[in-house]
């Protein structure tokens, strides 16, 4: 993470953009490759389940553990981790849940839905790239 901080400072990237791209894609690249392979083999249900299980794991396991650990290990300013997120982050999460529900409700998928998901991800990337850093 320290190397990423140096890259962010030297290039002037927005930390939110770096978190949405590098920190979201690189650690889960093995899961992404497996999901793509299963989708190419027409096993869409398993491909969607791989993506869904990763998000459930983060929201139900990793976030509560992070909050509990932050109560004992204080940050630089002496405060614990809080769940107060900026408006764009909340909008991205809520919109992603709605889109995921719409895509998976019928249990089928096509190229149009996949392209729409990629376009939505690119829109979020642009939004977080041009978001002023605090």
Protein backbone atom coordinates (compact mmCIF):
# COMPACT_ATOMS: atom_id res chain seq x y z
CA UNK A 1 0.00 0.00 0.00
CA UNK A 2 2.91 2.34 0.66
CA UNK A 3 4.09 1.94 -2.93
CA UNK A 4 0.58 2.83 -4.12
CA UNK A 5 0.62 5.98 -1.99
CA UNK A 6 3.87 7.04 -3.65
CA UNK A 7 2.39 6.45 -7.11
CA UNK A 8 -0.75 8.41 -6.21
CA UNK A 9 1.30 11.35 -4.93
CA UNK A 10 3.70 11.38 -7.89
CA UNK A 11 1.02 11.08 -10.60
CA UNK A 12 -1.68 13.13 -8.91
CA UNK A 13 -4.32 10.41 -9.19
CA UNK A 14 -7.43 10.67 -7.08
CA UNK A 15 -7.20 8.13 -4.19
CA UNK A 16 -10.85 7.15 -4.75
CA UNK A 17 -10.08 6.33 -8.38
CA UNK A 18 -7.04 4.27 -7.39
CA UNK A 19 -9.11 2.37 -4.85
CA UNK A 20 -11.85 1.68 -7.39
CA UNK A 21 -9.42 0.40 -10.00
CA UNK A 22 -6.18 -0.96 -8.55
CA UNK A 23 -7.32 -2.02 -5.08
CA UNK A 24 -10.58 -3.50 -6.36
CA UNK A 25 -9.34 -5.38 -9.41
CA UNK A 26 -5.82 -6.61 -8.61
CA UNK A 27 -6.51 -8.60 -5.39
CA UNK A 28 -9.54 -10.32 -6.92
CA UNK A 29 -8.09 -10.91 -10.38
CA UNK A 30 -8.08 -14.70 -9.89
CA UNK A 31 -11.81 -14.66 -9.12
CA UNK A 32 -12.45 -12.41 -12.12
CA UNK A 33 -10.54 -14.74 -14.46
CA UNK A 34 -12.43 -17.78 -13.14
CA UNK A 35 -15.77 -16.01 -13.55
CA UNK A 36 -14.89 -15.11 -17.14
CA UNK A 37 -13.84 -18.69 -17.89
CA UNK A 38 -17.09 -20.09 -16.50
CA UNK A 39 -19.10 -17.51 -18.44
CA UNK A 40 -17.32 -18.49 -21.66
CA UNK A 41 -18.31 -22.11 -20.93
CA UNK A 42 -21.98 -20.99 -20.70
CA UNK A 43 -22.08 -21.47 -16.94
CA UNK A 44 -23.51 -18.03 -16.22
CA UNK A 45 -25.00 -19.00 -12.86
CA UNK A 46 -21.60 -19.95 -11.45
CA UNK A 47 -19.95 -16.86 -12.94
CA UNK A 48 -22.54 -14.60 -11.30
CA UNK A 49 -22.23 -16.52 -8.03
CA UNK A 50 -18.47 -15.92 -7.96
CA UNK A 51 -18.98 -12.18 -8.26
CA UNK A 52 -21.84 -12.15 -5.80
CA UNK A 53 -19.97 -14.16 -3.16
CA UNK A 54 -17.05 -11.73 -3.22
CA UNK A 55 -19.32 -8.76 -2.48
CA UNK A 56 -21.18 -10.65 0.26
CA UNK A 57 -17.86 -11.64 1.82
CA UNK A 58 -16.75 -8.00 1.96
CA UNK A 59 -20.02 -6.66 3.34
CA UNK A 60 -20.80 -9.38 5.89
CA UNK A 61 -17.35 -10.51 7.02
CA UNK A 62 -14.57 -8.05 6.23
CA UNK A 63 -16.30 -4.76 7.08
CA UNK A 64 -17.53 -5.84 10.57
CA UNK A 65 -14.09 -7.27 11.38
CA UNK A 66 -12.45 -4.05 10.19
CA UNK A 67 -14.71 -1.99 12.44
CA UNK A 68 -14.11 -4.23 15.47
CA UNK A 69 -10.33 -4.17 14.96
CA UNK A 70 -10.39 -0.39 14.53
CA UNK A 71 -11.90 -0.04 18.00
CA UNK A 72 -8.70 -1.51 19.46
CA UNK A 73 -6.16 -0.20 16.95
CA UNK A 74 -6.64 3.54 16.61
CA UNK A 75 -5.59 5.49 13.53
CA UNK A 76 -3.11 8.35 13.32
CA UNK A 77 -5.66 10.83 14.63
CA UNK A 78 -6.78 8.54 17.49
CA UNK A 79 -10.22 7.74 16.14
CA UNK A 80 -11.81 4.45 15.12
CA UNK A 81 -13.04 3.60 11.63
CA UNK A 82 -16.49 4.96 10.88
CA UNK A 83 -19.04 4.05 8.25
CA UNK A 84 -19.64 7.61 7.06
CA UNK A 85 -19.20 7.54 3.30
CA UNK A 86 -19.38 10.35 0.72
CA UNK A 87 -22.56 10.71 -1.34
CA UNK A 88 -21.02 9.38 -4.57
CA UNK A 89 -19.84 6.22 -2.80
CA UNK A 90 -23.31 5.59 -1.40
CA UNK A 91 -24.91 6.23 -4.78
CA UNK A 92 -22.46 3.82 -6.46
CA UNK A 93 -23.21 1.07 -3.95
CA UNK A 94 -26.99 1.47 -4.07
CA UNK A 95 -27.04 1.75 -7.86
CA UNK A 96 -24.80 -1.33 -8.16
CA UNK A 97 -27.12 -3.36 -5.94
CA UNK A 98 -30.13 -2.32 -8.02
CA UNK A 99 -28.39 -3.14 -11.30
CA UNK A 100 -27.14 -6.49 -9.97
CA UNK A 101 -30.68 -7.36 -8.86
CA UNK A 102 -32.06 -6.41 -12.28
CA UNK A 103 -29.44 -8.51 -14.08
CA UNK A 104 -29.82 -11.62 -11.92
CA UNK A 105 -33.59 -11.66 -11.32
CA UNK A 106 -34.33 -13.69 -14.47
CA UNK A 107 -31.27 -15.95 -14.25
CA UNK A 108 -30.26 -15.22 -17.83
CA UNK A 109 -27.73 -12.91 -19.39
CA UNK A 110 -26.76 -11.66 -22.83
CA UNK A 111 -24.11 -9.50 -24.43
CA UNK A 112 -26.21 -6.36 -24.10
CA UNK A 113 -26.43 -6.73 -20.32
CA UNK A 114 -22.70 -7.38 -20.11
CA UNK A 115 -21.94 -4.33 -22.23
CA UNK A 116 -24.28 -2.25 -20.09
CA UNK A 117 -22.44 -3.35 -16.95
CA UNK A 118 -19.10 -2.39 -18.49
CA UNK A 119 -20.46 1.01 -19.53
CA UNK A 120 -21.78 1.62 -16.00
CA UNK A 121 -18.38 0.68 -14.56
CA UNK A 122 -16.63 3.08 -16.96
CA UNK A 123 -19.07 5.86 -15.97
CA UNK A 124 -18.25 5.24 -12.31
CA UNK A 125 -14.53 5.29 -13.16
CA UNK A 126 -14.87 8.69 -14.82
CA UNK A 127 -16.95 10.00 -11.92
CA UNK A 128 -14.38 8.92 -9.34
CA UNK A 129 -11.47 10.10 -11.50
CA UNK A 130 -12.81 13.65 -11.74
CA UNK A 131 -14.06 13.73 -8.15
CA UNK A 132 -12.14 16.34 -6.18
CA UNK A 133 -9.97 14.67 -3.54
CA UNK A 134 -10.46 15.76 0.05
